[in-house]
Amino acid sequence: RQMTTTNGANAEVNVQFGEFSLRKQTLGPLPPHVRESPDFAMVFGEDASGPTAEPMQAVRVSSTAQRDWYHLVGNRADVHIWTADTRSPPLAGCRAYPRELRASERWVQEAIQRALIP
């Protein structure tokens, strides 16, 4: 008796539905906003980028608040698209410069003044 399993395999082909999936994610065209980015064109060339380019097949590996990760099928490449983080870091310990410098820190002000004034 012959048995075929996908245990340990990252790829799965469903012949009944004609679907290909990678790591349980389905295959589809790479989204246009990814293909049309300047960084994508720089890496893969103008022929692979832009609105008139042939669709590139990809699988979304992961999606978070700040990043989408795609595996390009047929290429040994992954694409990570990052969204800028708009949060501001907490600024603990901020002090007004130079008014709030401590006596031991006055050398910083002197060094900056020497560097700025020729």
Foldseek 3Di string as FASTA:
>chain_A
DDDDDCVPPQWDADPVVRWIGGNPFTKDFDDLVQQADPVNCVVVNPLSHDDPHDTFIWTFPDDDPFWTKIDTPPDRDIDIHGDDDPDDDDDPPDDDPPVPPDPVRVVVVVVVVVVVPD
